[in-house]
Amino acid sequence: MKIEQLYTGCLAQGAYYIESDGEIAIIDPLRETQQYIDKAKKEHGTIKYIFETHFHADFVSGHVDLSKKTGATIVYGPGAKTEYDIHEAKDGEVFKLGNITITVLHTPGHTLESSTYLVKDETGKPYAIFSGDTLFLGDVGRPDLAIKNNLTKEDLAIMLYDSLREKIMTLPDDVIVYPAHGAGSACGKNMSKETVGVLGEQKKTNYALREDMSKEEFVKEVLEGMPPPPQYFAKNAMMNKTGYTDFDTVLKQGDNPLDPEAFEAIANQEGALVLDVRTEDDFVKAHIPNSIFIGLNGSFAPWVGALIADLKQPILLITPEGKEKEAVTRLSRVGYDNTLGYLKGGMEAWKAAGKDIERVDSIDALTFKKRFEEDHLHVLDVRKEGEFASEHLKGDNVQLFSLDYINDQMNDIEQDETYYVHCAGGYRSVIAASILKARGFNNLINIEGGFGAMKNSGLPVTDYVCPTTL
């Protein structure tokens, strides 16, 4: 038996490759499926099953494409209804894979069809669970993502409590836990940076698995401090349920080099969003007017999903050289399939064609400190509420303006006012500045290095403030 975790840091997502005696199962595959096909071919195996732990909300799975290319059976847990062919498994159903077995444990709570897959080794001993979003290391899945039903998040949390105690905590302590996500995912609150664990350790350290925890305590603690899900979650879940355009078609359409004239014409004719995925330093120095920055070097896919409301939005790309396919691929992972091409030659070609460019005024923390001490500057802190509550710059004109909710906060600021914008390190502040500039806010100054550099410069910061008082 061979088990391999294929982890994608940008999504904080783990897909899994399981092989026994030449038969292979893939669990929760990514959108780009050729990697699994190539791996199986190299190891002279056959992909027999594709197991989906649930209808994912934070990414578009590759299950439909992989099944079409390999003939492998897609398996979901009880209650899963799709618009393509699947095997809807029964609770307790056993699938044979070479010399091992995979048992379906229906574990509703994160979603209604959520299931955990228990692998038993060649001797029939419980060896590992693939827990999806039911159990993470250090946390459990959020119970507020069910699709089109009349249940409340409290109802789902109660289901999750029962699932954990009746189906998972009864398993031996030495069972290995392979979750669908690690730290950085919006599918939970307190996930560990580790991506593989042991069930016995989780029973000791995971707050949600306390033996003496009542159902009421569980519901309260799981839901406490749970932020609203990003807007694209429900849309991705629906794509996973109904199907989608095959990835090869999406990649072919998006991997389309355009000269500046063609690029500009398509932008105007199609109403395309110009998305600049270079580094924040490159963007502030020169960018196309009204383009939006979300760099590949940060949490690219989650920020795209949070900030671009329409999955069908036509997109044109400004990329670092050689990163064109990567950008199209990473957009497709969260359901943005309408990329129309990229600027061939990048900003150098744009400048050479005599096209207009803009920049973002940017200063270092020491320069900002001097100005801040001399004048009452307006400061926009675009970090998350929890970060702001923990520590922020002290001043009457310092305003929490979280990037997560930037599209809902435009009326809270004035277009003719000058704002100094910062985040923790510089990535999110440039995203915010690009969005604000595209909406007509032109008096913006980015603070390089963000809050970290500002604090190190000796600027005064506040002590902890409870977020509920903000």
Protein backbone atom coordinates (compact mmCIF):
# COMPACT_ATOMS: atom_id res chain seq x y z
CA MET A 1 0.00 0.00 0.00
CA LYS A 2 1.17 3.49 -0.87
CA ILE A 3 -0.41 6.73 0.33
CA GLU A 4 0.85 10.09 -0.89
CA GLN A 5 -0.41 13.52 0.05
CA LEU A 6 -0.32 16.04 -2.80
CA TYR A 7 -0.54 19.37 -0.99
CA THR A 8 -1.25 22.74 -2.63
CA GLY A 9 -0.15 25.62 -0.44
CA CYS A 10 -2.14 28.38 -2.17
CA LEU A 11 -5.38 26.57 -1.33
CA ALA A 12 -4.05 24.91 1.84
CA GLN A 13 -5.55 21.76 0.29
CA GLY A 14 -4.53 18.13 0.38
CA ALA A 15 -5.39 15.70 -2.41
CA TYR A 16 -4.44 12.05 -1.93
CA TYR A 17 -3.05 9.24 -4.07
CA ILE A 18 -3.65 5.73 -2.74
CA GLU A 19 -2.27 2.64 -4.48
CA SER A 20 -2.46 -1.07 -3.73
CA ASP A 21 -1.47 -3.87 -6.08
CA GLY A 22 -1.70 -1.63 -9.13
CA GLU A 23 -5.11 -0.16 -8.33
CA ILE A 24 -5.33 3.54 -7.50
CA ALA A 25 -7.80 5.82 -5.76
CA ILE A 26 -7.59 9.61 -5.85
CA ILE A 27 -9.24 11.59 -3.06
CA ASP A 28 -10.33 15.21 -3.62
CA PRO A 29 -8.28 15.88 -6.79
CA LEU A 30 -7.34 19.34 -7.99
CA ARG A 31 -8.79 20.84 -11.17
CA GLU A 32 -5.70 20.03 -13.24
CA THR A 33 -5.82 16.24 -13.40
CA GLN A 34 -3.00 15.29 -15.76
CA GLN A 35 -0.62 15.00 -12.80
CA TYR A 36 -2.59 12.04 -11.44
CA ILE A 37 -2.81 10.34 -14.83
CA ASP A 38 0.93 10.76 -15.41
CA LYS A 39 1.75 9.45 -11.96
CA ALA A 40 -0.45 6.38 -12.40
CA LYS A 41 1.10 5.67 -15.81
CA LYS A 42 4.63 6.02 -14.43
CA GLU A 43 3.85 3.55 -11.67
CA HIS A 44 1.99 1.17 -14.02
CA GLY A 45 -1.27 1.51 -12.13
CA THR A 46 -4.92 2.06 -13.00
CA ILE A 47 -7.08 4.79 -11.43
CA LYS A 48 -10.15 2.87 -10.27
CA TYR A 49 -11.92 5.29 -7.93
CA ILE A 50 -12.19 9.03 -7.32
CA PHE A 51 -13.46 9.64 -3.80
CA GLU A 52 -14.96 13.02 -2.96
CA THR A 53 -15.29 13.81 0.73
CA HIS A 54 -18.04 16.39 0.05
CA PHE A 55 -19.08 19.16 -2.33
CA HIS A 56 -16.08 21.41 -1.87
CA ALA A 57 -16.77 25.12 -1.51
CA ASP A 58 -13.26 26.57 -1.53
CA PHE A 59 -12.07 25.03 -4.80
CA VAL A 60 -13.33 23.29 -7.92
CA SER A 61 -12.39 19.63 -7.79
CA GLY A 62 -11.00 17.73 -10.77
CA HIS A 63 -13.25 14.73 -10.26
CA VAL A 64 -15.41 15.21 -13.38
CA ASP A 65 -12.46 15.65 -15.77
CA LEU A 66 -10.48 12.82 -14.18
CA SER A 67 -13.41 10.43 -14.51
CA LYS A 68 -13.92 11.34 -18.17
CA LYS A 69 -10.24 10.76 -18.95
CA THR A 70 -9.77 7.52 -17.01
CA GLY A 71 -13.18 5.91 -16.67
CA ALA A 72 -12.73 5.87 -12.90
CA THR A 73 -15.89 5.85 -10.77
CA ILE A 74 -16.68 9.01 -8.80
CA VAL A 75 -17.79 8.14 -5.27
CA TYR A 76 -19.68 10.50 -2.97
CA GLY A 77 -21.27 9.80 0.39
CA PRO A 78 -24.98 9.36 1.15
CA GLY A 79 -27.28 12.15 0.00
CA ALA A 80 -25.03 13.50 -2.76
CA LYS A 81 -27.05 14.41 -5.85
CA THR A 82 -25.23 15.54 -8.99
CA GLU A 83 -25.87 16.29 -12.65
CA TYR A 84 -23.23 13.77 -13.78
CA ASP A 85 -22.76 10.07 -13.08
CA ILE A 86 -21.55 9.08 -9.62
CA HIS A 87 -21.78 6.17 -7.24
CA GLU A 88 -23.71 7.43 -4.23
CA ALA A 89 -22.30 5.26 -1.47
CA LYS A 90 -24.15 3.90 1.54
CA ASP A 91 -22.91 4.49 5.05
CA GLY A 92 -20.55 1.63 5.84
CA GLU A 93 -20.12 0.56 2.20
CA VAL A 94 -16.75 -1.06 1.51
CA PHE A 95 -14.68 -0.59 -1.65
CA LYS A 96 -11.86 -2.96 -2.49
CA LEU A 97 -8.64 -1.42 -3.83
CA GLY A 98 -6.00 -4.00 -4.56
CA ASN A 99 -5.21 -5.67 -1.24
CA ILE A 100 -6.81 -3.01 0.96
CA THR A 101 -10.32 -1.70 1.59
CA ILE A 102 -11.85 1.76 1.85
CA THR A 103 -14.96 2.09 4.02
CA VAL A 104 -17.38 5.00 3.75
CA LEU A 105 -18.20 6.64 7.08
CA HIS A 106 -21.04 9.11 6.61
CA THR A 107 -20.08 12.12 8.76
CA PRO A 108 -22.56 14.94 8.09
CA GLY A 109 -22.10 18.31 9.72
CA HIS A 110 -19.75 20.33 7.55
CA THR A 111 -22.19 19.49 4.77
CA LEU A 112 -24.95 16.91 4.62
CA GLU A 113 -23.16 14.50 2.30
CA SER A 114 -19.75 14.86 4.03
CA SER A 115 -18.05 11.51 4.41
CA THR A 116 -14.83 10.22 5.91
CA TYR A 117 -13.00 7.37 4.17
CA LEU A 118 -11.42 4.72 6.40
CA VAL A 119 -8.56 2.73 4.88
CA LYS A 120 -7.88 -0.72 6.30
CA ASP A 121 -4.56 -2.35 5.46
CA GLU A 122 -3.88 -5.79 4.01
CA THR A 123 -4.60 -7.41 7.39
CA GLY A 124 -7.92 -5.61 7.84
CA LYS A 125 -6.54 -3.26 10.51
CA PRO A 126 -7.79 0.38 10.51
CA TYR A 127 -4.85 2.34 9.14
CA ALA A 128 -5.91 5.87 8.14
CA ILE A 129 -8.86 8.18 7.66
CA PHE A 130 -9.32 10.77 4.95
CA SER A 131 -11.48 13.14 6.92
CA GLY A 132 -12.21 15.86 4.35
CA ASP A 133 -13.55 18.92 6.14
CA THR A 134 -15.08 16.91 8.99
CA LEU A 135 -11.90 16.77 11.06
CA PHE A 136 -8.84 18.95 10.66
CA LEU A 137 -5.71 18.92 12.78
CA GLY A 138 -6.59 21.25 15.64
CA ASP A 139 -10.08 22.05 14.39
CA VAL A 140 -13.22 20.81 12.65
CA GLY A 141 -15.05 22.00 9.55
CA ARG A 142 -17.34 25.01 9.62
CA PRO A 143 -21.01 23.94 9.77
CA ASP A 144 -22.51 26.78 7.75
CA LEU A 145 -21.98 25.77 4.13
CA ALA A 146 -24.90 23.45 3.35
CA ILE A 147 -26.40 24.00 -0.10
CA LYS A 148 -30.11 24.76 -0.56
CA ASN A 149 -31.68 23.31 2.55
CA ASN A 150 -33.65 24.54 5.52
CA LEU A 151 -31.18 23.52 8.19
CA THR A 152 -29.46 26.10 10.38
CA LYS A 153 -25.77 26.18 11.16
CA GLU A 154 -26.71 25.07 14.68
CA ASP A 155 -28.47 22.01 13.24
CA LEU A 156 -25.38 21.13 11.23
CA ALA A 157 -23.10 21.70 14.22
CA ILE A 158 -25.15 19.15 16.19
CA MET A 159 -24.78 16.69 13.31
CA LEU A 160 -21.03 17.31 13.30
CA TYR A 161 -20.83 16.67 17.05
CA ASP A 162 -22.55 13.31 16.59
CA SER A 163 -20.46 12.39 13.55
CA LEU A 164 -17.21 13.02 15.36
CA ARG A 165 -18.19 11.06 18.45
CA GLU A 166 -19.99 8.16 16.78
CA LYS A 167 -17.86 7.62 13.68
CA ILE A 168 -14.37 9.03 14.25
CA MET A 169 -13.54 9.14 17.96
CA THR A 170 -14.44 5.44 18.25
CA LEU A 171 -11.53 4.52 15.96
CA PRO A 172 -8.13 3.40 17.35
CA ASP A 173 -5.73 6.10 18.51
CA ASP A 174 -2.99 5.04 16.07
CA VAL A 175 -5.14 5.74 13.00
CA ILE A 176 -3.48 8.35 10.78
CA VAL A 177 -5.53 11.46 10.00
CA TYR A 178 -5.30 12.92 6.50
CA PRO A 179 -7.46 16.09 6.39
CA ALA A 180 -8.51 18.05 3.32
CA HIS A 181 -6.99 21.31 4.56
CA GLY A 182 -4.36 22.88 6.78
CA ALA A 183 -3.68 26.34 8.17
CA GLY A 184 -4.70 29.13 5.82
CA SER A 185 -7.98 27.62 4.66
CA ALA A 186 -11.25 29.48 5.30
CA CYS A 187 -12.99 26.14 5.93
CA GLY A 188 -12.12 26.27 9.62
CA LYS A 189 -10.75 28.59 12.32
CA ASN A 190 -7.78 27.10 14.16
CA MET A 191 -6.15 24.59 11.83
CA SER A 192 -2.64 23.36 12.52
CA LYS A 193 0.23 24.04 10.16
CA GLU A 194 0.80 20.30 10.14
CA THR A 195 -1.00 18.42 7.37
CA VAL A 196 -0.82 14.83 8.68
CA GLY A 197 -1.54 13.68 12.24
CA VAL A 198 -2.60 10.80 14.45
CA LEU A 199 -6.10 10.44 15.85
CA GLY A 200 -4.94 9.82 19.42
CA GLU A 201 -3.11 13.13 19.46
CA GLN A 202 -6.20 14.90 18.13
CA LYS A 203 -8.30 13.38 20.90
CA LYS A 204 -5.90 14.97 23.39
CA THR A 205 -5.36 18.37 21.79
CA ASN A 206 -8.24 19.24 19.46
CA TYR A 207 -10.71 21.41 21.38
CA ALA A 208 -13.67 19.93 19.50
CA LEU A 209 -12.86 16.35 20.54
CA ARG A 210 -12.88 16.83 24.32
CA GLU A 211 -14.50 13.78 25.92
CA ASP A 212 -16.38 15.84 28.51
CA MET A 213 -17.67 18.35 25.95
CA SER A 214 -21.44 18.67 25.87
CA LYS A 215 -23.36 19.14 22.65
CA GLU A 216 -24.25 22.69 23.69
CA GLU A 217 -20.61 23.55 24.42
CA PHE A 218 -19.55 22.12 21.08
CA VAL A 219 -22.08 24.18 19.13
CA LYS A 220 -21.07 27.36 20.97
CA GLU A 221 -17.32 26.87 20.55
CA VAL A 222 -17.43 25.76 16.92
CA LEU A 223 -19.58 28.71 15.85
CA GLU A 224 -17.89 31.32 18.03
CA GLY A 225 -15.82 33.77 16.01
CA MET A 226 -16.75 32.14 12.70
CA PRO A 227 -16.47 34.81 9.95
CA PRO A 228 -18.91 34.79 7.04
CA PRO A 229 -17.84 32.44 4.24
CA PRO A 230 -16.24 34.08 1.18
CA GLN A 231 -18.76 34.90 -1.55
CA TYR A 232 -17.36 32.34 -4.00
CA PHE A 233 -17.84 29.34 -1.69
CA ALA A 234 -21.46 28.64 -2.63
CA LYS A 235 -20.64 29.10 -6.32
CA ASN A 236 -17.74 26.64 -6.23
CA ALA A 237 -19.86 24.11 -4.34
CA MET A 238 -22.52 24.37 -7.04
CA MET A 239 -19.94 23.84 -9.79
CA ASN A 240 -18.75 20.72 -8.01
CA LYS A 241 -22.33 19.52 -7.87
CA THR A 242 -23.41 20.33 -11.42
CA GLY A 243 -20.18 20.00 -13.41
CA TYR A 244 -18.05 22.50 -15.32
CA THR A 245 -16.10 23.23 -18.51
CA ASP A 246 -13.20 20.81 -18.86
CA PHE A 247 -9.88 22.21 -17.70
CA ASP A 248 -8.08 21.67 -21.01
CA THR A 249 -10.57 23.99 -22.76
CA VAL A 250 -10.19 26.62 -20.04
CA LEU A 251 -6.40 26.49 -20.26
CA LYS A 252 -6.36 26.68 -24.06
CA GLN A 253 -8.60 29.76 -24.04
CA GLY A 254 -6.62 31.55 -21.35
CA ASP A 255 -3.13 30.70 -22.60
CA ASN A 256 -3.57 33.18 -25.45
CA PRO A 257 -0.79 35.74 -26.08
CA LEU A 258 -2.08 39.17 -27.12
CA ASP A 259 -0.15 42.18 -28.38
CA PRO A 260 -1.00 45.53 -26.74
CA GLU A 261 -3.48 46.56 -29.44
CA ALA A 262 -5.40 43.27 -29.30
CA PHE A 263 -5.24 43.25 -25.52
CA GLU A 264 -6.70 46.75 -25.28
CA ALA A 265 -9.39 46.00 -27.87
CA ILE A 266 -10.58 42.88 -26.05
CA ALA A 267 -10.56 44.72 -22.72
CA ASN A 268 -12.86 47.37 -24.18
CA GLN A 269 -15.11 45.11 -26.25
CA GLU A 270 -15.59 42.34 -23.69
CA GLY A 271 -15.60 44.48 -20.56
CA ALA A 272 -12.72 42.37 -19.32
CA LEU A 273 -11.10 42.87 -15.94
CA VAL A 274 -7.36 43.43 -16.30
CA LEU A 275 -5.83 41.35 -13.52
CA ASP A 276 -2.16 41.99 -12.74
CA VAL A 277 -0.59 38.99 -11.00
CA ARG A 278 3.02 40.22 -10.81
CA THR A 279 4.64 41.21 -7.51
CA GLU A 280 3.37 44.16 -5.51
CA ASP A 281 6.69 45.96 -6.12
CA ASP A 282 6.28 45.63 -9.88
CA PHE A 283 2.67 46.83 -9.73
CA VAL A 284 3.33 50.00 -7.72
CA LYS A 285 6.09 51.03 -10.15
CA ALA A 286 3.96 50.69 -13.29
CA HIS A 287 0.60 49.20 -14.20
CA ILE A 288 -2.20 49.54 -16.74
CA PRO A 289 -4.85 52.09 -15.68
CA ASN A 290 -7.82 50.52 -13.86
CA SER A 291 -6.11 47.14 -13.56
CA ILE A 292 -6.46 45.19 -10.33
CA PHE A 293 -3.51 43.65 -8.53
CA ILE A 294 -3.66 40.21 -6.90
CA GLY A 295 -0.18 38.70 -6.98
CA LEU A 296 0.64 35.05 -7.55
CA ASN A 297 3.20 35.31 -4.74
CA GLY A 298 0.49 35.58 -2.06
CA SER A 299 -2.82 33.85 -1.28
CA PHE A 300 -3.85 34.36 -4.87
CA ALA A 301 -6.86 32.09 -5.39
CA PRO A 302 -8.63 32.88 -2.09
CA TRP A 303 -8.29 36.63 -2.68
CA VAL A 304 -9.53 36.34 -6.24
CA GLY A 305 -12.52 34.41 -4.92
CA ALA A 306 -13.20 36.93 -2.19
CA LEU A 307 -12.89 40.05 -4.33
CA ILE A 308 -14.13 39.22 -7.84
CA ALA A 309 -17.86 38.62 -7.48
CA ASP A 310 -18.69 37.14 -10.89
CA LEU A 311 -17.14 33.75 -11.74
CA LYS A 312 -18.00 34.43 -15.42
CA GLN A 313 -16.16 37.75 -15.45
CA PRO A 314 -13.94 37.99 -18.57
CA ILE A 315 -10.32 38.35 -17.39
CA LEU A 316 -7.15 39.50 -19.12
CA LEU A 317 -3.84 38.85 -17.42
CA ILE A 318 -0.60 40.72 -16.80
CA THR A 319 1.84 38.04 -15.68
CA PRO A 320 5.51 37.53 -14.98
CA GLU A 321 7.15 35.90 -17.98
CA GLY A 322 6.59 32.15 -17.96
CA LYS A 323 3.74 32.31 -15.42
CA GLU A 324 0.86 32.55 -17.90
CA LYS A 325 -0.36 28.95 -17.62
CA GLU A 326 0.07 28.98 -13.86
CA ALA A 327 -2.14 32.06 -13.55
CA VAL A 328 -4.90 30.55 -15.72
CA THR A 329 -4.68 27.28 -13.78
CA ARG A 330 -4.89 28.92 -10.38
CA LEU A 331 -7.87 31.00 -11.46
CA SER A 332 -9.66 27.87 -12.65
CA ARG A 333 -9.11 26.16 -9.31
CA VAL A 334 -11.63 28.55 -7.78
CA GLY A 335 -14.00 28.59 -10.74
CA TYR A 336 -12.82 31.59 -12.77
CA ASP A 337 -12.87 29.96 -16.20
CA ASN A 338 -13.27 32.97 -18.48
CA THR A 339 -9.67 34.10 -18.93
CA LEU A 340 -9.33 35.44 -22.49
CA GLY A 341 -5.57 35.83 -22.74
CA TYR A 342 -2.50 37.64 -21.44
CA LEU A 343 -0.36 40.61 -22.49
CA LYS A 344 2.49 39.22 -24.56
CA GLY A 345 5.72 40.88 -23.49
CA GLY A 346 4.14 42.26 -20.33
CA MET A 347 4.44 45.87 -19.23
CA GLU A 348 7.56 46.42 -21.34
CA ALA A 349 5.51 45.75 -24.47
CA TRP A 350 2.76 48.04 -23.18
CA LYS A 351 5.23 50.88 -22.57
CA ALA A 352 6.91 50.33 -25.95
CA ALA A 353 3.51 50.70 -27.62
CA GLY A 354 3.15 54.13 -26.02
CA LYS A 355 0.18 53.14 -23.88
CA ASP A 356 -0.75 54.98 -20.67
CA ILE A 357 0.62 53.67 -17.39
CA GLU A 358 -0.02 54.51 -13.77
CA ARG A 359 1.76 53.90 -10.49
CA VAL A 360 0.94 53.74 -6.80
CA ASP A 361 2.69 56.25 -4.56
CA SER A 362 4.63 54.23 -2.02
CA ILE A 363 6.80 55.23 0.95
CA ASP A 364 8.82 53.36 3.54
CA ALA A 365 7.86 53.15 7.20
CA LEU A 366 10.43 55.71 8.37
CA THR A 367 9.17 58.30 5.90
CA PHE A 368 5.63 57.58 7.01
CA LYS A 369 6.66 57.92 10.67
CA LYS A 370 8.03 61.40 10.07
CA ARG A 371 4.87 62.51 8.28
CA PHE A 372 2.62 60.87 10.88
CA GLU A 373 4.34 62.68 13.73
CA GLU A 374 4.00 66.00 11.95
CA ASP A 375 0.41 65.80 10.75
CA HIS A 376 -2.96 64.10 11.35
CA LEU A 377 -2.85 61.61 8.51
CA HIS A 378 -5.76 59.42 7.47
CA VAL A 379 -4.70 55.78 7.67
CA LEU A 380 -6.55 52.76 6.26
CA ASP A 381 -5.60 49.47 7.93
CA VAL A 382 -6.75 46.76 5.51
CA ARG A 383 -5.91 43.77 7.68
CA LYS A 384 -8.52 41.48 9.22
CA GLU A 385 -10.55 42.56 12.23
CA GLY A 386 -8.71 40.17 14.53
CA GLU A 387 -5.33 41.53 13.47
CA PHE A 388 -6.51 45.08 14.04
CA ALA A 389 -7.93 44.17 17.45
CA SER A 390 -4.65 42.56 18.50
CA GLU A 391 -2.53 45.60 17.63
CA HIS A 392 -2.87 48.66 15.45
CA LEU A 393 -1.39 52.08 14.95
CA LYS A 394 -2.52 54.52 17.61
CA GLY A 395 -4.24 57.60 16.24
CA ASP A 396 -7.62 59.30 15.85
CA ASN A 397 -7.60 58.94 12.07
CA VAL A 398 -6.58 55.27 11.93
CA GLN A 399 -9.46 53.32 10.37
CA LEU A 400 -10.08 49.59 10.05
CA PHE A 401 -10.85 49.00 6.37
CA SER A 402 -10.55 45.24 5.92
CA LEU A 403 -9.71 44.07 2.43
CA ASP A 404 -12.21 41.23 2.89
CA TYR A 405 -15.08 43.73 2.80
CA ILE A 406 -13.60 46.48 0.64
CA ASN A 407 -16.38 46.32 -1.95
CA ASP A 408 -18.94 47.08 0.77
CA GLN A 409 -17.03 49.97 2.36
CA MET A 410 -16.55 52.47 -0.47
CA ASN A 411 -19.06 54.90 1.06
CA ASP A 412 -17.02 55.04 4.28
CA ILE A 413 -14.22 57.06 2.70
CA GLU A 414 -13.97 60.26 0.62
CA GLN A 415 -12.56 60.38 -2.92
CA ASP A 416 -10.86 63.75 -2.41
CA GLU A 417 -9.14 62.71 0.85
CA THR A 418 -5.56 61.43 1.01
CA TYR A 419 -5.22 57.98 2.59
CA TYR A 420 -2.16 56.05 3.71
CA VAL A 421 -2.83 52.34 3.22
CA HIS A 422 -1.15 49.41 4.98
CA CYS A 423 -1.59 45.74 5.82
CA ALA A 424 0.74 43.39 7.68
CA GLY A 425 3.56 43.18 5.14
CA GLY A 426 2.59 44.93 1.90
CA TYR A 427 0.69 42.41 -0.26
CA ARG A 428 -2.89 43.20 0.77
CA SER A 429 -2.38 46.97 0.88
CA VAL A 430 -1.42 46.99 -2.81
CA ILE A 431 -4.50 44.90 -3.64
CA ALA A 432 -6.62 47.43 -1.75
CA ALA A 433 -4.91 50.40 -3.40
CA SER A 434 -5.47 48.92 -6.86
CA ILE A 435 -9.19 48.39 -6.21
CA LEU A 436 -9.62 51.87 -4.76
CA LYS A 437 -7.74 53.48 -7.66
CA ALA A 438 -9.96 51.65 -10.15
CA ARG A 439 -12.98 53.12 -8.32
CA GLY A 440 -11.68 56.70 -8.56
CA PHE A 441 -9.75 57.05 -5.29
CA ASN A 442 -6.53 58.56 -6.56
CA ASN A 443 -5.00 60.09 -3.43
CA LEU A 444 -3.52 56.89 -2.03
CA ILE A 445 -0.10 56.22 -0.55
CA ASN A 446 1.04 52.67 0.14
CA ILE A 447 3.20 52.03 3.22
CA GLU A 448 5.94 49.56 2.29
CA GLY A 449 6.51 46.70 4.71
CA GLY A 450 3.12 47.24 6.35
CA PHE A 451 2.40 47.11 10.06
CA GLY A 452 5.52 45.11 10.80
CA ALA A 453 7.79 47.82 9.43
CA MET A 454 5.70 50.57 11.04
CA LYS A 455 5.93 48.95 14.46
CA ASN A 456 9.68 48.43 14.11
CA SER A 457 10.07 52.11 13.27
CA GLY A 458 8.89 53.00 16.77
CA LEU A 459 5.41 54.27 15.90
CA PRO A 460 2.91 54.00 18.77
CA VAL A 461 0.58 50.99 18.68
CA THR A 462 -2.46 50.07 20.75
CA ASP A 463 -2.86 47.25 23.22
CA TYR A 464 -5.34 44.42 22.58
CA VAL A 465 -8.96 45.48 22.10
CA CYS A 466 -11.82 42.97 22.08
CA PRO A 467 -13.08 42.76 18.47
CA THR A 468 -16.70 43.08 19.56
CA THR A 469 -16.03 46.61 20.76
CA LEU A 470 -14.71 47.82 17.43
